[in-house]
């Protein structure tokens, strides 16, 4: 890629969540007026320590004060306590130190749902379906079990340290004992890459981390080897991550000399422009990007580059609207601040950051306002800022001031959602039934070679639905067949997807779930009508493309 700004490292260094950086004291050392405030704060803390009526811990006061100070800046300038920094950074770095399992807590018991291939637990001999009864000789069963506490404080840990697990396995008497040595466990950025049909590849990206571009490129190459001619890139629910990852991914689809993104800050050193280098391997393939209200930050950088260059279509709902760039600065005690240093702009010149001038509470309430306003269900309810009109490379109108508005709107699908469905879903009964079914029939299901053969081995839909309704009634949700019949397709699809996930992982979960996905249907329809072919031209008043 070609960087117009000669300081090539600047747009990379200002990426979201860049680990490390300058010490806070070094950052401000050239600003003498900061010293006066430093003295003032120290005086206040010393007065409290010496004379306040109650005993207080100054460290706790400082920890509580820092987030309150930063709140008045913008919603995305945040403080990360030292105890949380490693976990927060692990999420974007692509790996963490742990034992390498996925698990869920069902009926007060930790149940292993997946053993990560090549990880410590697989090497130690753990299997999907195992129940963890003890950890380091302490019993871990009962209603007080907390999934986050078990994961973060007992299973994850320092590399090369050991954890002793007591395992209950079906058809084995007593507890099996395993000593698992913690090691690096990869965090996948690409959940799944598979062929939706003979011509269409689908890639689900859950974050923009350190390893995402390599995973993404490998997924594209894999699908291309299966004769993919067009790609659906699913960024729904993707809250973002590193800016440079989004840039590299967009570069794969853009011809040479296309602006990908530019940034502007108060300081000139934080200004930059990034242009495509023409070396992308997928410049001739059609592309559609799926987004929703939870797609943010780097997701919006990628989608903005595709939309503004008329390289492909955006389908779904309006994205979150985060147009601020943070830099991570590590403090002397190993805590950190992620501070906003610039705004980013899509190629047409729009900043898609939504308004935050009315405080953090209203900012956080904005997604709920979209729901109550009807935006998730009606395109006409999208609040467009008509004072911020921009044009794409070929003259289509796009808007700034609050997220990326899709080219094709797909409403939130509520078909099948009834009061009965909400009760069984909120009680976790769909997940619990699917796990119990997979666990009970694991030996038989493991004999199927893939999820398609697995689906054929399942009971008929009426039989499975009856079994589930009986299970739900025994667990506090009585049968109401009028609503059950309305929700039957939704319930059965989710049951099959979860059973597939417990046996084959995400390779089964997403293809089964996507069979009834309106967004993917809309993408296939757009492909078939060549609406995603490039360059995309605006339509004239008669609905014909202008050239």
Protein backbone atom coordinates (compact mmCIF):
# COMPACT_ATOMS: atom_id res chain seq x y z
CA UNK A 1 0.00 0.00 0.00
CA UNK A 2 1.12 3.55 -0.69
CA UNK A 3 1.23 5.97 2.22
CA UNK A 4 1.07 9.60 1.12
CA UNK A 5 2.27 10.67 4.55
CA UNK A 6 6.03 10.00 4.55
CA UNK A 7 5.96 8.78 8.13
CA UNK A 8 4.74 5.29 7.24
CA UNK A 9 4.58 4.10 10.82
CA UNK A 10 2.15 6.77 11.96
CA UNK A 11 -1.14 5.26 10.69
CA UNK A 12 -0.08 1.90 12.07
CA UNK A 13 1.06 3.23 15.44
CA UNK A 14 -2.25 4.95 16.02
CA UNK A 15 -4.22 1.78 15.40
CA UNK A 16 -6.86 0.71 17.87
CA UNK A 17 -5.45 -0.97 20.94
CA UNK A 18 -1.77 -0.81 20.02
CA UNK A 19 0.02 -2.51 22.89
CA UNK A 20 2.71 -0.62 24.72
CA UNK A 21 3.63 2.95 24.00
CA UNK A 22 5.05 5.85 25.88
CA UNK A 23 4.75 6.29 29.62
CA UNK A 24 2.19 8.91 30.65
CA UNK A 25 4.88 10.99 32.32
CA UNK A 26 6.98 10.98 29.17
CA UNK A 27 3.94 11.96 27.13
CA UNK A 28 3.33 15.08 29.19
CA UNK A 29 6.89 15.95 30.22
CA UNK A 30 7.14 18.69 27.58
CA UNK A 31 4.03 20.45 28.90
CA UNK A 32 5.05 22.43 32.03
CA UNK A 33 1.47 23.40 32.97
CA UNK A 34 0.71 19.75 33.75
CA UNK A 35 3.13 19.96 36.68
CA UNK A 36 0.86 22.42 38.51
CA UNK A 37 -2.09 20.02 38.30
CA UNK A 38 0.15 17.19 39.43
CA UNK A 39 1.09 19.13 42.57
CA UNK A 40 -2.54 19.99 43.21
CA UNK A 41 -3.65 16.36 43.02
CA UNK A 42 -0.77 15.21 45.22
CA UNK A 43 -1.71 17.84 47.80
CA UNK A 44 -5.31 16.64 47.85
CA UNK A 45 -4.31 12.99 48.24
CA UNK A 46 -1.85 13.84 51.01
CA UNK A 47 -4.52 15.81 52.88
CA UNK A 48 -6.89 12.86 52.66
CA UNK A 49 -4.18 10.44 53.80
CA UNK A 50 -3.20 12.62 56.78
CA UNK A 51 -6.44 14.11 58.05
CA UNK A 52 -9.57 12.50 56.58
CA UNK A 53 -11.92 11.23 59.30
CA UNK A 54 -12.08 7.64 58.01
CA UNK A 55 -9.31 5.33 56.90
CA UNK A 56 -9.16 5.20 53.12
CA UNK A 57 -6.88 3.56 50.60
CA UNK A 58 -5.37 6.21 48.36
CA UNK A 59 -4.72 3.68 45.61
CA UNK A 60 -8.45 2.89 45.47
CA UNK A 61 -9.25 6.61 45.23
CA UNK A 62 -6.86 7.01 42.32
CA UNK A 63 -8.22 3.91 40.53
CA UNK A 64 -11.77 5.23 40.89
CA UNK A 65 -10.87 8.79 39.90
CA UNK A 66 -9.08 8.02 36.63
CA UNK A 67 -12.13 6.58 34.79
CA UNK A 68 -14.23 9.56 35.93
CA UNK A 69 -11.67 11.99 34.51
CA UNK A 70 -11.53 10.18 31.18
CA UNK A 71 -15.33 9.91 30.92
CA UNK A 72 -15.51 13.66 30.29
CA UNK A 73 -13.31 13.33 27.18
CA UNK A 74 -15.12 10.84 24.91
CA UNK A 75 -16.76 7.41 25.29
CA UNK A 76 -13.76 5.53 23.86
CA UNK A 77 -10.92 7.04 25.88
CA UNK A 78 -10.71 4.43 28.63
CA UNK A 79 -8.61 3.27 31.55
CA UNK A 80 -7.52 -0.35 31.83
CA UNK A 81 -6.43 -1.46 35.34
CA UNK A 82 -3.23 -3.47 35.52
CA UNK A 83 -5.12 -6.62 36.55
CA UNK A 84 -7.18 -6.51 33.36
CA UNK A 85 -4.55 -5.43 30.84
CA UNK A 86 -3.25 -8.87 29.89
CA UNK A 87 -6.74 -10.25 29.27
CA UNK A 88 -7.77 -7.17 27.26
CA UNK A 89 -4.65 -7.34 25.08
CA UNK A 90 -4.88 -11.12 24.63
CA UNK A 91 -8.18 -10.65 22.84
CA UNK A 92 -6.47 -8.75 20.02
CA UNK A 93 -3.06 -10.39 20.08
CA UNK A 94 -4.52 -13.69 18.91
CA UNK A 95 -3.64 -16.03 21.77
CA UNK A 96 -3.67 -16.44 25.53
CA UNK A 97 -2.22 -18.85 28.04
CA UNK A 98 -4.69 -21.50 29.18
CA UNK A 99 -5.63 -25.16 28.92
CA UNK A 100 -7.35 -25.01 25.52
CA UNK A 101 -10.99 -25.95 25.98
CA UNK A 102 -14.42 -24.45 25.41
CA UNK A 103 -16.88 -25.20 28.18
CA UNK A 104 -20.33 -24.39 29.43
CA UNK A 105 -22.00 -24.71 32.83
CA UNK A 106 -25.12 -26.86 32.71
CA UNK A 107 -26.97 -28.15 35.76
CA UNK A 108 -24.29 -26.77 38.10
CA UNK A 109 -21.48 -28.68 36.35
CA UNK A 110 -18.61 -27.54 34.12
CA UNK A 111 -18.97 -29.45 30.86
CA UNK A 112 -16.31 -29.49 28.14
CA UNK A 113 -17.92 -28.66 24.79
CA UNK A 114 -14.76 -28.54 22.67
CA UNK A 115 -11.10 -29.46 23.07
CA UNK A 116 -9.02 -27.11 20.92
CA UNK A 117 -6.95 -28.99 18.40
CA UNK A 118 -3.25 -29.00 19.25
CA UNK A 119 -3.83 -27.36 22.62
CA UNK A 120 -2.70 -28.45 26.10
CA UNK A 121 -5.92 -30.28 26.95
CA UNK A 122 -5.85 -32.36 23.79
CA UNK A 123 -2.27 -33.37 24.54
CA UNK A 124 -3.29 -34.27 28.10
CA UNK A 125 -6.18 -36.46 26.88
CA UNK A 126 -9.32 -34.45 27.70
CA UNK A 127 -12.37 -35.06 25.52
CA UNK A 128 -15.54 -33.18 24.57
CA UNK A 129 -18.29 -34.28 26.97
CA UNK A 130 -15.97 -34.52 29.99
CA UNK A 131 -17.25 -32.95 33.21
CA UNK A 132 -14.79 -30.98 35.34
CA UNK A 133 -15.57 -31.82 38.96
CA UNK A 134 -12.42 -30.61 40.72
CA UNK A 135 -9.75 -28.03 39.95
CA UNK A 136 -6.50 -28.30 41.96
CA UNK A 137 -8.29 -30.64 44.39
CA UNK A 138 -11.07 -28.10 45.10
CA UNK A 139 -14.63 -29.10 44.18
CA UNK A 140 -16.21 -27.01 41.43
CA UNK A 141 -19.87 -27.94 41.29
CA UNK A 142 -22.98 -26.15 42.50
CA UNK A 143 -25.20 -23.17 41.84
CA UNK A 144 -22.49 -20.62 42.65
CA UNK A 145 -20.37 -21.55 39.62
CA UNK A 146 -19.52 -18.57 37.44
CA UNK A 147 -18.24 -19.13 33.92
CA UNK A 148 -16.01 -16.03 33.84
CA UNK A 149 -14.51 -16.80 37.26
CA UNK A 150 -13.76 -20.40 36.29
CA UNK A 151 -12.17 -19.33 33.01
CA UNK A 152 -10.13 -16.34 34.16
CA UNK A 153 -9.08 -17.36 37.65
CA UNK A 154 -8.73 -21.13 37.45
CA UNK A 155 -8.23 -22.41 33.90
CA UNK A 156 -6.31 -19.53 32.31
CA UNK A 157 -2.95 -18.71 33.87
CA UNK A 158 0.76 -18.26 33.42
CA UNK A 159 2.33 -20.28 30.64
CA UNK A 160 4.01 -23.56 31.71
CA UNK A 161 2.15 -23.66 35.03
CA UNK A 162 0.10 -26.77 35.78
CA UNK A 163 -3.54 -27.22 36.76
CA UNK A 164 -4.90 -30.49 38.14
CA UNK A 165 -8.36 -31.48 36.91
CA UNK A 166 -10.69 -34.13 38.27
CA UNK A 167 -12.79 -35.38 35.35
CA UNK A 168 -16.02 -37.41 35.29
CA UNK A 169 -16.33 -39.27 32.00
CA UNK A 170 -19.31 -41.30 30.81
CA UNK A 171 -19.01 -45.07 31.31
CA UNK A 172 -15.92 -44.62 33.49
CA UNK A 173 -16.15 -45.25 37.23
CA UNK A 174 -14.77 -42.63 39.58
CA UNK A 175 -12.83 -39.48 38.71
CA UNK A 176 -10.03 -39.36 36.17
CA UNK A 177 -7.10 -37.14 37.12
CA UNK A 178 -5.32 -34.94 34.53
CA UNK A 179 -2.39 -32.61 35.04
CA UNK A 180 -2.64 -30.04 32.25
CA UNK A 181 0.30 -27.70 31.59
CA UNK A 182 -0.98 -24.33 30.44
CA UNK A 183 0.27 -23.13 27.08
CA UNK A 184 -0.51 -20.78 24.22
CA UNK A 185 -4.08 -21.17 23.01
CA UNK A 186 -4.94 -19.49 19.69
CA UNK A 187 -7.91 -17.14 19.49
CA UNK A 188 -9.63 -17.46 16.12
CA UNK A 189 -10.59 -14.27 14.32
CA UNK A 190 -12.22 -16.11 11.43
CA UNK A 191 -14.98 -18.31 12.84
CA UNK A 192 -15.77 -20.08 9.58
CA UNK A 193 -15.04 -20.02 5.85
CA UNK A 194 -17.20 -22.22 3.64
CA UNK A 195 -19.02 -22.30 0.30
CA UNK A 196 -22.64 -21.16 0.53
CA UNK A 197 -23.22 -22.32 -3.04
CA UNK A 198 -21.05 -23.31 -6.00
CA UNK A 199 -19.92 -19.72 -6.62
CA UNK A 200 -20.19 -17.98 -3.25
CA UNK A 201 -17.71 -18.09 -0.39
CA UNK A 202 -18.72 -16.97 3.10
CA UNK A 203 -16.27 -15.71 5.75
CA UNK A 204 -17.29 -14.79 9.31
CA UNK A 205 -14.81 -12.43 11.02
CA UNK A 206 -15.34 -11.81 14.74
CA UNK A 207 -12.55 -9.28 15.45
CA UNK A 208 -9.67 -7.38 13.85
CA UNK A 209 -6.73 -8.75 15.80
CA UNK A 210 -3.04 -9.32 15.23
CA UNK A 211 -3.59 -12.60 13.36
CA UNK A 212 -6.82 -11.68 11.56
CA UNK A 213 -5.33 -10.67 8.22
CA UNK A 214 -3.40 -13.94 7.88
CA UNK A 215 -6.50 -15.95 8.84
CA UNK A 216 -8.63 -13.91 6.44
CA UNK A 217 -6.20 -14.29 3.54
CA UNK A 218 -5.96 -18.05 4.13
CA UNK A 219 -9.76 -18.23 4.13
CA UNK A 220 -9.95 -16.35 0.82
CA UNK A 221 -7.34 -18.64 -0.73
CA UNK A 222 -9.15 -21.74 0.56
CA UNK A 223 -12.47 -20.60 -0.90
CA UNK A 224 -10.83 -19.59 -4.15
CA UNK A 225 -9.46 -23.13 -4.43
CA UNK A 226 -13.09 -24.27 -4.21
CA UNK A 227 -13.96 -22.05 -7.20
CA UNK A 228 -15.42 -19.11 -5.28
CA UNK A 229 -16.10 -16.18 -7.61
CA UNK A 230 -17.74 -13.92 -5.04
CA UNK A 231 -17.46 -13.39 -1.29
CA UNK A 232 -19.78 -12.59 1.60
CA UNK A 233 -17.75 -11.01 4.42
CA UNK A 234 -19.81 -11.20 7.61
CA UNK A 235 -18.87 -8.45 10.10
CA UNK A 236 -22.09 -8.56 12.12
CA UNK A 237 -21.32 -8.22 15.81
CA UNK A 238 -17.66 -7.39 15.06
CA UNK A 239 -16.73 -4.51 17.39
CA UNK A 240 -13.39 -3.82 15.68
CA UNK A 241 -9.75 -3.92 16.73
CA UNK A 242 -6.56 -2.94 14.91
CA UNK A 243 -6.85 -0.35 12.17
CA UNK A 244 -3.98 -1.75 10.11
CA UNK A 245 -5.74 -5.13 9.92
CA UNK A 246 -8.80 -3.53 8.32
CA UNK A 247 -6.51 -1.67 5.91
CA UNK A 248 -4.70 -4.84 4.83
CA UNK A 249 -7.98 -6.68 4.32
CA UNK A 250 -9.50 -3.88 2.23
CA UNK A 251 -6.32 -3.69 0.16
CA UNK A 252 -6.90 -7.25 -1.06
CA UNK A 253 -10.00 -6.11 -2.98
CA UNK A 254 -9.03 -2.64 -4.24
CA UNK A 255 -7.21 -1.65 -7.44
CA UNK A 256 -4.16 0.58 -7.20
CA UNK A 257 -4.39 4.18 -5.93
CA UNK A 258 -7.71 3.85 -4.11
CA UNK A 259 -7.94 5.77 -0.83
CA UNK A 260 -8.68 3.32 2.01
CA UNK A 261 -8.85 5.65 5.04
CA UNK A 262 -7.39 8.89 6.35
CA UNK A 263 -7.05 10.30 9.86
CA UNK A 264 -6.98 13.79 11.34
CA UNK A 265 -5.96 14.75 14.86
CA UNK A 266 -5.24 17.92 16.82
CA UNK A 267 -1.53 17.22 16.35
CA UNK A 268 -0.25 17.06 12.77
CA UNK A 269 1.73 13.91 13.56
CA UNK A 270 -1.56 12.02 13.90
CA UNK A 271 -2.71 12.89 10.35
CA UNK A 272 -2.31 10.22 7.69
CA UNK A 273 -3.65 8.81 4.43
CA UNK A 274 -3.50 5.19 3.32
CA UNK A 275 -3.91 4.17 -0.33
CA UNK A 276 -4.17 0.75 -1.95
CA UNK A 277 -1.04 -0.59 -3.60
CA UNK A 278 -2.72 -2.67 -6.31
CA UNK A 279 -1.17 -5.92 -5.08
CA UNK A 280 -4.40 -7.40 -3.74
CA UNK A 281 -5.17 -10.85 -5.08
CA UNK A 282 -8.97 -10.53 -5.18
CA UNK A 283 -9.54 -7.35 -7.20
CA UNK A 284 -11.76 -9.11 -9.75
CA UNK A 285 -14.13 -10.85 -7.32
CA UNK A 286 -17.51 -9.53 -6.27
CA UNK A 287 -17.86 -8.71 -2.58
CA UNK A 288 -20.70 -8.05 -0.16
CA UNK A 289 -20.20 -7.00 3.47
CA UNK A 290 -22.81 -7.87 6.12
CA UNK A 291 -23.14 -5.41 9.01
CA UNK A 292 -25.44 -4.65 11.93
CA UNK A 293 -25.71 -2.18 14.77
CA UNK A 294 -22.89 -3.93 16.65
CA UNK A 295 -20.38 -3.66 13.78
CA UNK A 296 -17.96 -0.94 14.83
CA UNK A 297 -14.57 0.70 14.45
CA UNK A 298 -12.27 -1.39 12.20
CA UNK A 299 -15.39 -3.07 10.76
CA UNK A 300 -16.56 0.35 9.64
CA UNK A 301 -13.14 1.23 8.19
CA UNK A 302 -13.23 -1.91 6.04
CA UNK A 303 -16.86 -1.42 5.00
CA UNK A 304 -16.33 2.30 4.33
CA UNK A 305 -13.42 1.56 1.99
CA UNK A 306 -15.51 -0.98 0.07
CA UNK A 307 -18.61 1.22 -0.12
CA UNK A 308 -16.96 4.57 -0.90
CA UNK A 309 -14.81 3.08 -3.66
CA UNK A 310 -17.92 1.42 -5.15
CA UNK A 311 -16.13 -1.89 -4.86
CA UNK A 312 -19.03 -3.82 -3.33
CA UNK A 313 -22.29 -3.58 -1.40
CA UNK A 314 -23.06 -3.24 2.30
CA UNK A 315 -26.08 -5.28 3.40
CA UNK A 316 -27.86 -5.35 6.75
CA UNK A 317 -28.47 -2.55 9.24
CA UNK A 318 -26.74 0.73 10.12
CA UNK A 319 -23.42 0.13 11.87
CA UNK A 320 -22.53 1.34 15.36
CA UNK A 321 -20.82 4.63 14.45
CA UNK A 322 -17.32 4.71 15.98
CA UNK A 323 -14.98 7.01 14.08
CA UNK A 324 -12.36 7.68 16.77
CA UNK A 325 -8.83 6.26 16.83
CA UNK A 326 -7.19 5.26 20.11
CA UNK A 327 -3.59 4.83 21.10
CA UNK A 328 -2.71 2.61 24.06
CA UNK A 329 -0.29 4.14 26.56
CA UNK A 330 1.14 1.92 29.28
CA UNK A 331 1.50 3.53 32.71
CA UNK A 332 4.28 2.87 35.26
CA UNK A 333 2.17 0.37 37.25
CA UNK A 334 1.35 -1.68 34.09
CA UNK A 335 -2.14 -0.24 33.79
CA UNK A 336 -2.94 1.59 30.57
CA UNK A 337 -4.96 4.34 28.95
CA UNK A 338 -6.49 4.02 25.51
CA UNK A 339 -6.66 7.64 24.46
CA UNK A 340 -8.37 9.07 21.40
CA UNK A 341 -5.78 10.89 19.29
CA UNK A 342 -7.58 11.36 15.97
CA UNK A 343 -10.70 10.77 13.94
CA UNK A 344 -10.72 8.54 10.89
CA UNK A 345 -12.54 9.34 7.66
CA UNK A 346 -13.77 7.04 4.91
CA UNK A 347 -12.55 7.69 1.32
CA UNK A 348 -15.49 10.00 0.50
CA UNK A 349 -14.49 12.21 3.44
CA UNK A 350 -17.14 11.27 5.98
CA UNK A 351 -16.57 10.68 9.68
CA UNK A 352 -19.08 8.10 10.84
CA UNK A 353 -18.63 8.82 14.58
CA UNK A 354 -22.03 9.30 16.20
CA UNK A 355 -22.66 12.23 18.53
CA UNK A 356 -21.29 11.94 22.08
CA UNK A 357 -21.67 15.55 23.24
CA UNK A 358 -24.62 14.77 25.50
CA UNK A 359 -22.74 12.47 27.85
CA UNK A 360 -21.85 8.83 28.19
CA UNK A 361 -25.28 7.69 29.40
CA UNK A 362 -27.06 9.03 26.32
CA UNK A 363 -24.29 7.69 24.09
CA UNK A 364 -24.74 4.21 25.54
CA UNK A 365 -28.51 4.54 25.22
CA UNK A 366 -28.33 5.24 21.48
CA UNK A 367 -28.69 1.61 20.35
CA UNK A 368 -31.80 1.22 22.50
CA UNK A 369 -33.14 4.41 20.94
CA UNK A 370 -32.74 2.82 17.50
CA UNK A 371 -34.81 -0.13 18.72
CA UNK A 372 -37.59 2.01 20.17
CA UNK A 373 -37.57 4.26 17.10
CA UNK A 374 -38.11 1.22 14.87
CA UNK A 375 -34.87 1.48 12.93
CA UNK A 376 -34.05 -2.22 13.32
CA UNK A 377 -37.25 -3.12 11.49
CA UNK A 378 -37.89 -0.34 8.97
CA UNK A 379 -35.49 1.35 6.57
CA UNK A 380 -37.64 4.49 6.65
CA UNK A 381 -36.93 4.83 10.37
CA UNK A 382 -33.17 5.28 9.91
CA UNK A 383 -32.24 8.75 11.12
CA UNK A 384 -30.10 10.20 8.36
CA UNK A 385 -28.12 13.40 8.88
CA UNK A 386 -28.90 15.15 5.60
CA UNK A 387 -26.42 17.91 6.43
CA UNK A 388 -23.57 15.42 5.92
CA UNK A 389 -23.91 14.22 2.33
CA UNK A 390 -20.91 12.73 0.54
CA UNK A 391 -20.47 10.92 -2.76
CA UNK A 392 -18.72 7.69 -3.62
CA UNK A 393 -16.16 7.24 -6.38
CA UNK A 394 -18.94 6.83 -8.96
CA UNK A 395 -21.39 9.38 -7.60
CA UNK A 396 -23.63 7.51 -5.17
CA UNK A 397 -24.79 9.48 -2.11
CA UNK A 398 -23.58 8.35 1.33
CA UNK A 399 -23.99 10.00 4.70
CA UNK A 400 -21.79 10.80 7.67
CA UNK A 401 -22.54 11.46 11.31
CA UNK A 402 -23.46 8.10 12.76
CA UNK A 403 -22.49 4.75 11.31
CA UNK A 404 -22.49 3.30 7.82
CA UNK A 405 -25.93 3.03 6.24
CA UNK A 406 -26.27 -0.19 4.20
CA UNK A 407 -26.88 -0.17 0.47
CA UNK A 408 -29.50 -2.88 0.98
CA UNK A 409 -31.42 -2.80 4.25
CA UNK A 410 -32.41 -6.09 5.90
CA UNK A 411 -34.63 -5.78 8.98
CA UNK A 412 -34.04 -7.68 12.19
CA UNK A 413 -35.76 -11.03 11.69
CA UNK A 414 -38.45 -11.58 14.33
CA UNK A 415 -40.33 -14.34 12.56
CA UNK A 416 -40.80 -17.19 14.98
CA UNK A 417 -40.19 -15.05 18.06
CA UNK A 418 -43.08 -15.64 20.46
CA UNK A 419 -43.56 -15.46 24.20
CA UNK A 420 -42.89 -19.21 24.38
CA UNK A 421 -39.63 -18.89 22.45
CA UNK A 422 -38.49 -16.01 24.66
CA UNK A 423 -39.14 -18.05 27.82
CA UNK A 424 -37.22 -21.13 26.69
CA UNK A 425 -34.40 -19.01 25.22
CA UNK A 426 -34.01 -16.80 28.29
CA UNK A 427 -33.97 -19.87 30.52
CA UNK A 428 -31.16 -21.36 28.43
CA UNK A 429 -33.25 -24.44 27.69
CA UNK A 430 -32.40 -24.56 23.97
CA UNK A 431 -28.68 -24.74 24.75
CA UNK A 432 -29.17 -27.19 27.60
CA UNK A 433 -31.35 -29.56 25.60
CA UNK A 434 -28.96 -29.48 22.63
CA UNK A 435 -25.99 -30.25 24.88
CA UNK A 436 -27.77 -33.09 26.66
CA UNK A 437 -28.87 -34.56 23.33
CA UNK A 438 -25.34 -34.31 21.88
CA UNK A 439 -23.83 -35.73 25.06
CA UNK A 440 -26.26 -38.66 25.23
CA UNK A 441 -25.77 -39.53 21.55
CA UNK A 442 -22.13 -38.52 21.21
CA UNK A 443 -20.86 -41.99 20.25
CA UNK A 444 -23.33 -42.29 17.38
CA UNK A 445 -22.98 -38.68 16.25
CA UNK A 446 -19.19 -38.93 16.20
CA UNK A 447 -19.51 -41.65 13.57
CA UNK A 448 -21.02 -39.19 11.10
CA UNK A 449 -18.34 -37.69 8.85
CA UNK A 450 -19.71 -34.13 8.70
CA UNK A 451 -22.64 -31.99 9.79
CA UNK A 452 -24.72 -32.82 6.71
CA UNK A 453 -24.58 -36.53 7.53
CA UNK A 454 -25.20 -35.68 11.18
CA UNK A 455 -28.41 -33.83 10.28
CA UNK A 456 -29.68 -36.91 8.45
CA UNK A 457 -29.10 -39.03 11.54
CA UNK A 458 -31.17 -36.80 13.83
CA UNK A 459 -34.78 -37.63 14.77
CA UNK A 460 -37.52 -36.20 12.58
CA UNK A 461 -38.46 -32.58 13.21
CA UNK A 462 -41.79 -33.44 14.92
CA UNK A 463 -40.06 -35.99 17.17
CA UNK A 464 -37.27 -33.59 18.18
CA UNK A 465 -39.72 -30.75 18.78
CA UNK A 466 -41.92 -32.98 20.97
CA UNK A 467 -38.88 -34.08 22.97
CA UNK A 468 -37.83 -30.49 23.48
CA UNK A 469 -41.30 -29.32 24.52
CA UNK A 470 -41.50 -32.16 27.06
CA UNK A 471 -38.03 -31.23 28.38
CA UNK A 472 -39.03 -27.55 28.65
CA UNK A 473 -42.25 -28.40 30.49
CA UNK A 474 -40.26 -30.42 33.04
CA UNK A 475 -38.06 -27.36 33.50
CA UNK A 476 -40.70 -24.76 34.20
CA UNK A 477 -42.02 -23.70 30.76
CA UNK A 478 -45.41 -25.31 30.04
CA UNK A 479 -46.38 -26.24 26.49
CA UNK A 480 -48.39 -23.65 24.55
CA UNK A 481 -48.80 -25.23 21.15
CA UNK A 482 -50.22 -22.22 19.35
CA UNK A 483 -46.96 -20.35 19.99
CA UNK A 484 -44.80 -23.47 19.69
CA UNK A 485 -46.00 -24.04 16.14
CA UNK A 486 -45.14 -20.43 15.22
CA UNK A 487 -41.65 -20.81 16.75
CA UNK A 488 -41.01 -24.40 15.66
CA UNK A 489 -38.69 -23.61 12.72
CA UNK A 490 -36.62 -21.17 14.78
CA UNK A 491 -36.30 -23.58 17.70
CA UNK A 492 -35.40 -26.56 15.52
CA UNK A 493 -32.79 -24.60 13.54
CA UNK A 494 -31.10 -23.47 16.74
CA UNK A 495 -31.22 -26.94 18.25
CA UNK A 496 -29.61 -28.49 15.17
CA UNK A 497 -26.96 -25.75 14.95
CA UNK A 498 -26.02 -26.20 18.61
CA UNK A 499 -25.93 -29.98 18.39
CA UNK A 500 -23.70 -29.58 15.34
CA UNK A 501 -21.46 -27.17 17.23
CA UNK A 502 -21.07 -29.57 20.16
CA UNK A 503 -19.98 -32.32 17.76
CA UNK A 504 -18.17 -30.55 14.88
CA UNK A 505 -17.60 -27.01 16.18
CA UNK A 506 -18.25 -23.82 14.21
CA UNK A 507 -17.82 -25.75 10.94
CA UNK A 508 -21.31 -27.09 11.60
CA UNK A 509 -22.84 -24.28 13.65
CA UNK A 510 -22.71 -21.47 11.08
CA UNK A 511 -23.74 -23.39 7.95
CA UNK A 512 -26.80 -24.79 9.75
CA UNK A 513 -27.75 -21.44 11.26
CA UNK A 514 -27.17 -19.55 8.02
CA UNK A 515 -29.70 -21.70 6.14
CA UNK A 516 -32.42 -19.41 7.53
CA UNK A 517 -30.52 -16.11 7.49
CA UNK A 518 -32.31 -13.28 5.65
CA UNK A 519 -29.07 -11.29 5.28
CA UNK A 520 -27.36 -14.11 3.42
CA UNK A 521 -30.46 -14.61 1.27
CA UNK A 522 -30.34 -10.89 0.40
CA UNK A 523 -26.63 -11.16 -0.46
CA UNK A 524 -27.16 -14.14 -2.77
CA UNK A 525 -30.05 -12.34 -4.45
CA UNK A 526 -27.90 -9.23 -4.99
CA UNK A 527 -25.10 -11.34 -6.44
CA UNK A 528 -27.47 -13.13 -8.78
CA UNK A 529 -28.81 -9.80 -10.05
CA UNK A 530 -25.24 -8.51 -10.43
CA UNK A 531 -25.88 -5.65 -8.04
CA UNK A 532 -22.48 -6.20 -6.42
CA UNK A 533 -20.53 -6.10 -9.68
CA UNK A 534 -18.04 -3.25 -9.85
CA UNK A 535 -17.74 -0.46 -10.58
CA UNK A 536 -21.14 0.18 -9.00
CA UNK A 537 -22.91 3.01 -10.79
CA UNK A 538 -25.72 5.19 -9.45
CA UNK A 539 -29.13 4.58 -11.00
CA UNK A 540 -31.02 7.15 -13.01
CA UNK A 541 -34.66 7.97 -12.42
CA UNK A 542 -35.72 4.95 -14.48
CA UNK A 543 -33.72 2.51 -12.37
CA UNK A 544 -31.03 2.04 -15.02
CA UNK A 545 -27.31 2.26 -14.36
CA UNK A 546 -25.62 5.46 -15.49
CA UNK A 547 -22.25 5.06 -17.23
